[in-house]
Amino acid sequence: MNKPSPVDPSNGPVSGPATGPVSEERLDRLAEVAVKVGLNLQPGQDLVLTAPVAALPLVRRIAARAYAAGAGVVTPILSDEGVTLARFQQGRDASFDRAPDWLYRGMAAAYDGNAARLAVSGDNPMLLAEQDPARVARANRANSAAYKPALEKISNFDINWNIVSYPNPSWARLVFPDLPEEEAVARLADAIFAASRVDGPDPVAAWAAHNAALKTRAGWLNGHRFAALHFTGPGTDLTVGLADGHEWMGGASPAKNGITCNPNIPTEEVFTTPHSRRVEGYVRSTKPLAHQGTLIDNIEVRFEGGRITEARATRGEAVLLKALDTDEGARRLGEVALVPHSSPISQSGLLFYNTLFDENAACHIALGQCYSKCFIDGATLTPEQIAAQGGNSSLIHVDWMIGSGEIDIDGIGADGTRVPVFRKGEWATR
């Protein structure tokens, strides 16, 4: 039996910045889940790791776990809210049409070399709420265009990748505005750890059981080969055609490099690719969407021929419309996902202002880029074939929630037969 390395986190917490109200034991477990379950990092594999500087306690634990698992080189890329704000407060106007394309080319090259990708989220989702929305939109558009070569490696599942979260104080104050900062951070940490399934004695085993349950749901849907899903409820009568040769997925999934990973931690969804030209009807959001530093609430849109022809929101409408005008694909769907209303994140009653969490509280749809992985034999399909089968292409991928305890969903077969999928926000079959 080999002796544990001195840097092996299983020996105890890794030294570094104080974690304050955040449990060091559960932070170690989250790092373990990120490396073993989220990434399933392989010996010799490099890792590109992005995170806010506030998340250094988790970043250092992830790096230690990664090296203990045999990682080649772990390359951290850190962001800072103060630096981000400095650009918007002091930067010249021409700055907002630029992005570090050199950095993203380097990341794409790393993924071409089979590096894994791990993102730690935690920045204040409303950081740019007081900044010029036109500049925010321009900066995001430039960044999306520059990032696309690297993003395509991720959205096409060329590599194993994962996202986890850290309770940044600025995010915690947003979720729990009436609590003192330390208590808010502790409460958000508890919510993150619970949703990420690291509260129990064996998080890796807990994830294995959860992945098996999600795989069963995806298998049931794939067995039916529905041509469309019909959503009905308050403010919603929407028929979402499904892409030709679509495949439902959920939980752990093999990337094209042969490594099975869990891209999102937490996750409660099973998802697939809609047909970009076969969506009809109208739908209303059931939870607010935090996007580009703005809270967009009560979204209502109408689809005709797969394209959004009408859109409104009671709050943040200008930002929504700018997103829809990003490119041709921005008004079409790239994802449809099913999440029961009884999901743990939904039952927490919290609005996280973070799509990674909020999308796992409710059924949702995503505007923009599709996942080529969600096709039968998707790894062998060309972009032209994916488009011909109904897959959408765009610079954006924006998820927003349309599920609740009042939503019913029917699966519609190619012959028009209907099968109950959800009733009152829950799976119709147990």
Protein backbone atom coordinates (compact mmCIF):
# COMPACT_ATOMS: atom_id res chain seq x y z
CA MET A 1 0.00 0.00 0.00
CA ASN A 2 1.34 3.40 -0.96
CA LYS A 3 1.64 6.05 1.72
CA PRO A 4 -0.42 9.23 1.16
CA SER A 5 1.54 12.14 -0.23
CA PRO A 6 2.08 15.10 2.13
CA VAL A 7 -0.07 17.21 -0.22
CA ASP A 8 -2.89 14.68 -0.32
CA PRO A 9 -5.98 16.50 1.07
CA SER A 10 -7.12 13.24 2.65
CA ASN A 11 -4.49 13.92 5.31
CA GLY A 12 -6.42 16.99 6.39
CA PRO A 13 -7.22 20.52 5.21
CA VAL A 14 -4.66 22.11 2.90
CA SER A 15 -3.07 25.22 4.35
CA GLY A 16 -4.12 28.49 2.79
CA PRO A 17 -6.47 31.42 3.35
CA ALA A 18 -8.79 31.13 6.32
CA THR A 19 -12.21 29.82 5.38
CA GLY A 20 -14.03 31.62 8.20
CA PRO A 21 -17.62 30.37 8.46
CA VAL A 22 -17.09 27.79 5.70
CA SER A 23 -16.60 24.21 6.92
CA GLU A 24 -13.11 23.05 6.00
CA GLU A 25 -14.16 19.41 6.12
CA ARG A 26 -16.97 19.92 3.62
CA LEU A 27 -14.75 22.14 1.47
CA ASP A 28 -12.31 19.23 1.24
CA ARG A 29 -15.18 16.95 0.24
CA LEU A 30 -16.28 19.39 -2.45
CA ALA A 31 -12.75 19.45 -3.85
CA GLU A 32 -12.75 15.65 -3.87
CA VAL A 33 -16.09 15.56 -5.69
CA ALA A 34 -14.90 18.16 -8.22
CA VAL A 35 -11.81 16.12 -9.13
CA LYS A 36 -13.11 12.55 -8.79
CA VAL A 37 -16.76 12.93 -9.84
CA GLY A 38 -16.97 16.21 -11.72
CA LEU A 39 -13.84 15.78 -13.81
CA ASN A 40 -12.83 12.16 -13.24
CA LEU A 41 -9.35 13.58 -13.82
CA GLN A 42 -6.92 11.07 -15.32
CA PRO A 43 -3.22 10.56 -14.49
CA GLY A 44 -1.04 12.82 -16.63
CA GLN A 45 -3.97 15.04 -17.66
CA ASP A 46 -3.48 18.81 -17.45
CA LEU A 47 -6.14 21.00 -15.85
CA VAL A 48 -7.22 24.55 -16.70
CA LEU A 49 -8.83 25.97 -13.56
CA THR A 50 -10.68 29.32 -13.49
CA ALA A 51 -12.02 30.94 -10.33
CA PRO A 52 -12.59 34.22 -8.52
CA VAL A 53 -9.81 35.15 -6.09
CA ALA A 54 -12.28 34.83 -3.20
CA ALA A 55 -12.44 31.09 -3.92
CA LEU A 56 -8.73 30.46 -3.25
CA PRO A 57 -9.49 28.18 -0.26
CA LEU A 58 -11.31 25.83 -2.63
CA VAL A 59 -8.90 26.37 -5.54
CA ARG A 60 -5.93 25.25 -3.45
CA ARG A 61 -7.76 22.15 -2.28
CA ILE A 62 -8.77 21.29 -5.85
CA ALA A 63 -5.17 21.69 -7.01
CA ALA A 64 -3.95 19.40 -4.23
CA ARG A 65 -6.57 16.79 -5.08
CA ALA A 66 -5.74 17.07 -8.76
CA TYR A 67 -2.02 16.55 -8.23
CA ALA A 68 -2.73 13.66 -5.85
CA ALA A 69 -4.79 12.12 -8.66
CA GLY A 70 -1.79 12.37 -10.99
CA ALA A 71 -2.50 15.65 -12.80
CA GLY A 72 0.16 16.88 -15.22
CA VAL A 73 0.02 20.65 -14.73
CA VAL A 74 -2.76 22.61 -13.02
CA THR A 75 -3.00 26.13 -14.46
CA PRO A 76 -5.14 28.53 -12.38
CA ILE A 77 -6.64 31.64 -14.01
CA LEU A 78 -8.11 33.99 -11.40
CA SER A 79 -10.60 36.83 -11.76
CA ASP A 80 -11.32 39.71 -9.41
CA GLU A 81 -14.48 41.76 -9.02
CA GLY A 82 -12.54 44.96 -8.35
CA VAL A 83 -10.55 44.58 -11.56
CA THR A 84 -13.74 43.89 -13.51
CA LEU A 85 -15.40 47.02 -12.11
CA ALA A 86 -12.31 49.12 -12.85
CA ARG A 87 -12.75 48.41 -16.56
CA PHE A 88 -16.33 49.66 -16.56
CA GLN A 89 -15.61 52.65 -14.36
CA GLN A 90 -12.31 53.78 -15.89
CA GLY A 91 -11.83 51.99 -19.22
CA ARG A 92 -11.95 53.77 -22.56
CA ASP A 93 -15.00 53.18 -24.69
CA ALA A 94 -13.10 51.18 -27.32
CA SER A 95 -12.14 48.68 -24.61
CA PHE A 96 -15.63 47.21 -24.61
CA ASP A 97 -15.35 45.82 -28.11
CA ARG A 98 -12.25 43.81 -27.23
CA ALA A 99 -11.50 40.55 -25.45
CA PRO A 100 -8.33 38.52 -24.65
CA ASP A 101 -8.57 36.29 -27.70
CA TRP A 102 -4.93 35.26 -27.16
CA LEU A 103 -5.93 33.73 -23.82
CA TYR A 104 -8.87 31.84 -25.28
CA ARG A 105 -6.76 30.56 -28.16
CA GLY A 106 -4.37 29.21 -25.57
CA MET A 107 -7.21 27.54 -23.69
CA ALA A 108 -8.50 25.99 -26.92
CA ALA A 109 -4.99 24.71 -27.63
CA ALA A 110 -4.86 23.18 -24.14
CA TYR A 111 -8.16 21.39 -24.77
CA ASP A 112 -6.83 20.17 -28.12
CA GLY A 113 -4.07 18.61 -26.04
CA ASN A 114 -6.71 16.90 -23.83
CA ALA A 115 -6.52 19.26 -20.84
CA ALA A 116 -9.55 19.12 -18.56
CA ARG A 117 -11.52 22.26 -17.66
CA LEU A 118 -12.84 23.19 -14.23
CA ALA A 119 -14.62 26.44 -13.39
CA VAL A 120 -15.33 27.61 -9.86
CA SER A 121 -18.25 30.01 -9.93
CA GLY A 122 -18.97 32.47 -7.15
CA ASP A 123 -18.73 36.04 -8.44
CA ASN A 124 -21.51 38.43 -7.48
CA PRO A 125 -24.08 37.82 -10.27
CA MET A 126 -25.24 41.44 -10.01
CA LEU A 127 -21.75 42.95 -10.05
CA LEU A 128 -22.44 45.00 -13.18
CA ALA A 129 -26.01 45.98 -12.33
CA GLU A 130 -25.11 49.67 -11.99
CA GLN A 131 -22.93 49.81 -15.11
CA ASP A 132 -23.94 50.98 -18.58
CA PRO A 133 -25.98 48.05 -20.00
CA ALA A 134 -24.85 48.88 -23.55
CA ARG A 135 -21.20 48.55 -22.51
CA VAL A 136 -21.98 45.34 -20.63
CA ALA A 137 -23.64 43.91 -23.74
CA ARG A 138 -20.74 44.96 -25.99
CA ALA A 139 -18.16 43.46 -23.65
CA ASN A 140 -20.11 40.21 -23.40
CA ARG A 141 -20.53 40.00 -27.16
CA ALA A 142 -16.79 40.56 -27.75
CA ASN A 143 -15.93 38.02 -25.07
CA SER A 144 -18.36 35.44 -26.47
CA ALA A 145 -16.93 35.81 -29.97
CA ALA A 146 -13.34 35.49 -28.73
CA TYR A 147 -14.17 32.60 -26.44
CA LYS A 148 -16.06 30.56 -29.04
CA PRO A 149 -13.09 28.40 -30.19
CA ALA A 150 -12.55 27.29 -26.58
CA LEU A 151 -16.26 27.12 -25.73
CA GLU A 152 -16.96 24.82 -28.66
CA LYS A 153 -14.54 22.28 -27.18
CA ILE A 154 -16.63 22.36 -24.01
CA SER A 155 -20.16 22.53 -25.47
CA ASN A 156 -19.26 19.74 -27.90
CA PHE A 157 -17.92 17.65 -24.98
CA ASP A 158 -14.51 17.20 -26.60
CA ILE A 159 -13.05 17.08 -23.08
CA ASN A 160 -14.07 16.31 -19.51
CA TRP A 161 -15.16 19.47 -17.74
CA ASN A 162 -16.97 20.60 -14.60
CA ILE A 163 -18.37 23.60 -12.72
CA VAL A 164 -18.60 23.86 -8.93
CA SER A 165 -19.27 26.88 -6.70
CA TYR A 166 -17.78 28.71 -3.73
CA PRO A 167 -19.67 31.03 -1.29
CA ASN A 168 -18.07 34.35 -2.21
CA PRO A 169 -19.16 36.97 0.39
CA SER A 170 -20.51 39.35 -2.29
CA TRP A 171 -22.71 36.54 -3.65
CA ALA A 172 -23.81 35.53 -0.14
CA ARG A 173 -24.92 39.09 0.67
CA LEU A 174 -27.10 39.05 -2.44
CA VAL A 175 -28.81 35.76 -1.55
CA PHE A 176 -29.21 36.65 2.15
CA PRO A 177 -29.42 40.46 2.22
CA ASP A 178 -30.86 40.65 5.76
CA LEU A 179 -28.09 38.67 7.44
CA PRO A 180 -24.67 39.78 8.70
CA GLU A 181 -21.97 38.87 6.16
CA GLU A 182 -20.44 35.98 8.12
CA GLU A 183 -23.83 34.38 8.70
CA ALA A 184 -24.81 34.93 5.05
CA VAL A 185 -21.63 33.18 3.89
CA ALA A 186 -22.28 30.28 6.28
CA ARG A 187 -25.87 29.92 5.02
CA LEU A 188 -24.81 30.02 1.36
CA ALA A 189 -22.03 27.51 2.07
CA ASP A 190 -24.57 25.16 3.67
CA ALA A 191 -26.82 25.48 0.60
CA ILE A 192 -23.93 24.84 -1.82
CA PHE A 193 -22.69 21.82 0.13
CA ALA A 194 -26.18 20.31 0.41
CA ALA A 195 -26.96 20.78 -3.29
CA SER A 196 -23.52 19.42 -4.20
CA ARG A 197 -24.16 16.28 -2.10
CA VAL A 198 -21.07 16.62 0.08
CA ASP A 199 -22.86 16.60 3.44
CA GLY A 200 -22.79 12.81 3.88
CA PRO A 201 -19.87 10.56 4.82
CA ASP A 202 -19.33 9.29 1.25
CA PRO A 203 -20.08 11.99 -1.37
CA VAL A 204 -18.62 9.90 -4.20
CA ALA A 205 -21.08 7.06 -3.46
CA ALA A 206 -23.93 9.56 -3.15
CA TRP A 207 -23.12 10.88 -6.61
CA ALA A 208 -23.00 7.37 -8.05
CA ALA A 209 -26.56 6.74 -6.81
CA HIS A 210 -27.80 10.10 -8.07
CA ASN A 211 -26.23 9.58 -11.48
CA ALA A 212 -27.92 6.18 -11.74
CA ALA A 213 -31.32 7.78 -11.05
CA LEU A 214 -30.78 10.47 -13.69
CA LYS A 215 -29.63 7.83 -16.18
CA THR A 216 -32.86 5.91 -15.61
CA ARG A 217 -34.93 9.01 -16.38
CA ALA A 218 -32.94 9.75 -19.53
CA GLY A 219 -33.29 6.13 -20.62
CA TRP A 220 -37.08 6.26 -20.26
CA LEU A 221 -37.26 9.36 -22.45
CA ASN A 222 -34.90 7.90 -25.04
CA GLY A 223 -37.01 4.78 -25.16
CA HIS A 224 -40.09 6.79 -26.14
CA ARG A 225 -38.35 8.75 -28.93
CA PHE A 226 -40.78 11.66 -28.60
CA ALA A 227 -40.99 14.06 -31.54
CA ALA A 228 -41.98 16.96 -29.28
CA LEU A 229 -42.83 18.03 -25.74
CA HIS A 230 -45.95 20.04 -24.94
CA PHE A 231 -45.72 22.34 -21.88
CA THR A 232 -48.94 23.77 -20.41
CA GLY A 233 -49.55 25.91 -17.33
CA PRO A 234 -50.18 29.52 -16.30
CA GLY A 235 -48.99 31.74 -19.15
CA THR A 236 -47.59 28.74 -21.02
CA ASP A 237 -48.75 26.70 -24.02
CA LEU A 238 -45.54 25.68 -25.72
CA THR A 239 -44.71 22.85 -28.09
CA VAL A 240 -40.98 22.16 -28.28
CA GLY A 241 -40.05 19.98 -31.23
CA LEU A 242 -37.06 17.75 -30.55
CA ALA A 243 -34.11 17.53 -32.90
CA ASP A 244 -33.95 14.60 -35.28
CA GLY A 245 -31.84 11.89 -33.68
CA HIS A 246 -31.78 13.71 -30.34
CA GLU A 247 -30.58 11.92 -27.22
CA TRP A 248 -31.54 12.67 -23.62
CA MET A 249 -28.70 12.95 -21.11
CA GLY A 250 -28.33 13.61 -17.41
CA GLY A 251 -25.69 13.35 -14.72
CA ALA A 252 -22.46 11.59 -15.65
CA SER A 253 -21.67 11.41 -19.35
CA PRO A 254 -18.68 10.29 -21.44
CA ALA A 255 -16.83 13.06 -23.24
CA LYS A 256 -15.35 12.53 -26.69
CA ASN A 257 -11.97 11.87 -25.07
CA GLY A 258 -13.50 8.78 -23.45
CA ILE A 259 -13.58 10.17 -19.90
CA THR A 260 -16.91 10.09 -18.07
CA CYS A 261 -17.53 13.33 -16.17
CA ASN A 262 -20.28 15.27 -14.38
CA PRO A 263 -20.22 18.70 -16.07
CA ASN A 264 -22.43 20.45 -13.52
CA ILE A 265 -22.29 20.09 -9.75
CA PRO A 266 -25.03 20.35 -8.63
CA THR A 267 -27.32 18.84 -11.26
CA GLU A 268 -30.91 17.64 -11.13
CA GLU A 269 -31.76 17.77 -14.84
CA VAL A 270 -32.16 15.51 -17.80
CA PHE A 271 -31.75 17.48 -21.02
CA THR A 272 -31.60 17.28 -24.79
CA THR A 273 -31.50 19.34 -27.97
CA PRO A 274 -34.69 20.91 -29.34
CA HIS A 275 -35.28 21.35 -33.05
CA SER A 276 -34.36 24.96 -33.75
CA ARG A 277 -37.12 25.34 -36.36
CA ARG A 278 -39.95 23.44 -34.65
CA VAL A 279 -40.93 25.41 -31.56
CA GLU A 280 -44.40 26.96 -31.44
CA GLY A 281 -46.48 28.81 -28.86
CA TYR A 282 -45.88 30.97 -25.84
CA VAL A 283 -44.16 30.56 -22.48
CA ARG A 284 -43.70 32.53 -19.27
CA SER A 285 -40.70 32.32 -16.94
CA THR A 286 -41.29 30.99 -13.43
CA LYS A 287 -38.13 32.35 -11.79
CA PRO A 288 -36.05 35.50 -12.34
CA LEU A 289 -32.96 35.25 -14.53
CA ALA A 290 -29.73 36.98 -13.50
CA HIS A 291 -27.97 37.90 -16.73
CA GLN A 292 -25.20 40.42 -17.42
CA GLY A 293 -25.62 42.00 -14.00
CA THR A 294 -29.35 42.50 -14.46
CA LEU A 295 -32.28 40.63 -12.96
CA ILE A 296 -34.74 39.80 -15.73
CA ASP A 297 -38.17 38.95 -14.35
CA ASN A 298 -41.48 37.73 -15.74
CA ILE A 299 -40.15 36.89 -19.20
CA GLU A 300 -42.87 36.20 -21.76
CA VAL A 301 -42.03 35.14 -25.31
CA ARG A 302 -43.81 33.75 -28.34
CA PHE A 303 -42.24 31.30 -30.81
CA GLU A 304 -43.19 30.92 -34.45
CA GLY A 305 -41.31 28.49 -36.65
CA GLY A 306 -38.77 27.98 -33.88
CA ARG A 307 -37.92 31.68 -33.58
CA ILE A 308 -38.91 34.16 -30.87
CA THR A 309 -41.09 36.76 -32.56
CA GLU A 310 -42.31 38.57 -29.43
CA ALA A 311 -40.52 39.09 -26.11
CA ARG A 312 -41.19 41.13 -23.02
CA ALA A 313 -40.25 41.25 -19.33
CA THR A 314 -41.48 43.33 -16.42
CA ARG A 315 -37.89 43.94 -15.35
CA GLY A 316 -34.67 43.89 -17.37
CA GLU A 317 -36.44 43.84 -20.74
CA ALA A 318 -33.76 45.91 -22.48
CA VAL A 319 -31.06 43.41 -21.50
CA LEU A 320 -33.24 40.51 -22.64
CA LEU A 321 -33.80 42.11 -26.04
CA LYS A 322 -30.08 42.80 -26.47
CA ALA A 323 -29.34 39.15 -25.76
CA LEU A 324 -31.94 38.09 -28.33
CA ASP A 325 -30.27 40.28 -30.93
CA THR A 326 -26.80 38.76 -30.40
CA ASP A 327 -27.06 36.74 -33.61
CA GLU A 328 -29.56 34.69 -35.64
CA GLY A 329 -29.37 31.71 -33.30
CA ALA A 330 -30.02 33.75 -30.15
CA ARG A 331 -33.80 33.72 -30.77
CA ARG A 332 -33.90 29.93 -31.11
CA LEU A 333 -33.55 27.16 -28.55
CA GLY A 334 -30.42 25.13 -27.92
CA GLU A 335 -31.58 23.09 -24.92
CA VAL A 336 -34.68 21.83 -23.12
CA ALA A 337 -34.30 20.34 -19.65
CA LEU A 338 -36.64 18.59 -17.23
CA VAL A 339 -36.34 19.08 -13.46
CA PRO A 340 -39.01 18.05 -10.93
CA HIS A 341 -40.48 20.76 -8.72
CA SER A 342 -39.50 18.61 -5.71
CA SER A 343 -35.77 18.90 -6.50
CA PRO A 344 -33.65 19.76 -3.43
CA ILE A 345 -32.72 23.15 -4.85
CA SER A 346 -36.34 24.00 -5.53
CA GLN A 347 -37.35 22.92 -2.03
CA SER A 348 -34.68 25.14 -0.48
CA GLY A 349 -36.85 28.10 -1.52
CA LEU A 350 -33.76 30.14 -2.35
CA LEU A 351 -33.13 32.29 -5.38
CA PHE A 352 -29.38 31.87 -5.97
CA TYR A 353 -29.08 34.46 -8.79
CA ASN A 354 -26.77 31.83 -10.30
CA THR A 355 -27.97 29.75 -13.24
CA LEU A 356 -25.97 26.68 -12.18
CA PHE A 357 -28.26 26.44 -9.15
CA ASP A 358 -31.47 28.12 -10.27
CA GLU A 359 -31.75 26.00 -13.44
CA ASN A 360 -31.71 22.90 -11.24
CA ALA A 361 -34.77 24.11 -9.37
CA ALA A 362 -37.11 23.99 -12.38
CA CYS A 363 -37.63 22.78 -15.93
CA HIS A 364 -35.87 25.19 -18.24
CA ILE A 365 -35.03 26.08 -21.81
CA ALA A 366 -31.90 27.72 -23.16
CA LEU A 367 -31.60 30.28 -25.90
CA GLY A 368 -28.70 29.83 -28.29
CA GLN A 369 -26.01 27.20 -28.72
CA CYS A 370 -26.99 23.53 -28.60
CA TYR A 371 -24.95 20.62 -27.25
CA SER A 372 -23.81 18.38 -30.10
CA LYS A 373 -23.40 15.64 -27.50
CA CYS A 374 -27.20 15.39 -27.28
CA PHE A 375 -27.47 13.49 -30.56
CA ILE A 376 -27.19 9.79 -31.30
CA ASP A 377 -23.57 9.34 -32.44
CA GLY A 378 -23.10 13.08 -31.85
CA ALA A 379 -19.32 12.69 -31.68
CA THR A 380 -19.28 11.71 -35.36
CA LEU A 381 -21.59 14.45 -36.68
CA THR A 382 -20.29 17.51 -38.50
CA PRO A 383 -21.64 20.98 -37.67
CA GLU A 384 -23.55 20.87 -40.96
CA GLN A 385 -25.18 17.56 -40.03
CA ILE A 386 -26.10 18.86 -36.59
CA ALA A 387 -27.74 21.92 -38.15
CA ALA A 388 -29.62 19.74 -40.64
CA GLN A 389 -31.00 17.67 -37.76
CA GLY A 390 -32.22 20.82 -36.00
CA GLY A 391 -29.31 21.75 -33.76
CA ASN A 392 -28.88 25.46 -33.15
CA SER A 393 -25.71 27.58 -33.31
CA SER A 394 -25.10 30.86 -31.48
CA LEU A 395 -22.56 32.84 -29.48
CA ILE A 396 -24.81 32.61 -26.42
CA HIS A 397 -26.32 29.88 -24.26
CA VAL A 398 -28.75 31.42 -21.77
CA ASP A 399 -30.87 29.13 -19.56
CA TRP A 400 -34.11 30.37 -18.04
CA MET A 401 -36.67 28.63 -15.91
CA ILE A 402 -40.18 27.71 -17.08
CA GLY A 403 -41.10 24.94 -14.63
CA SER A 404 -43.18 25.02 -11.46
CA GLY A 405 -45.66 22.94 -9.47
CA GLU A 406 -48.35 24.02 -11.96
CA ILE A 407 -46.71 22.82 -15.18
CA ASP A 408 -47.83 19.71 -17.09
CA ILE A 409 -45.75 18.17 -19.88
CA ASP A 410 -46.82 15.63 -22.49
CA GLY A 411 -44.53 13.76 -24.82
CA ILE A 412 -45.84 13.69 -28.39
CA GLY A 413 -44.91 10.76 -30.59
CA ALA A 414 -44.24 10.95 -34.32
CA ASP A 415 -47.76 9.54 -34.87
CA GLY A 416 -49.34 12.17 -32.61
CA THR A 417 -49.86 9.93 -29.59
CA ARG A 418 -49.43 11.62 -26.22
CA VAL A 419 -47.75 10.28 -23.08
CA PRO A 420 -47.79 12.09 -19.73
CA VAL A 421 -44.26 13.13 -18.75
CA PHE A 422 -44.88 15.66 -15.94
CA ARG A 423 -48.00 16.36 -13.93
CA LYS A 424 -48.08 19.34 -11.58
CA GLY A 425 -44.36 19.72 -11.82
CA GLU A 426 -43.48 16.09 -11.04
CA TRP A 427 -42.59 13.04 -13.11
CA ALA A 428 -45.80 11.31 -14.17
CA THR A 429 -44.14 7.89 -13.73
CA ARG A 430 -42.28 7.01 -10.54
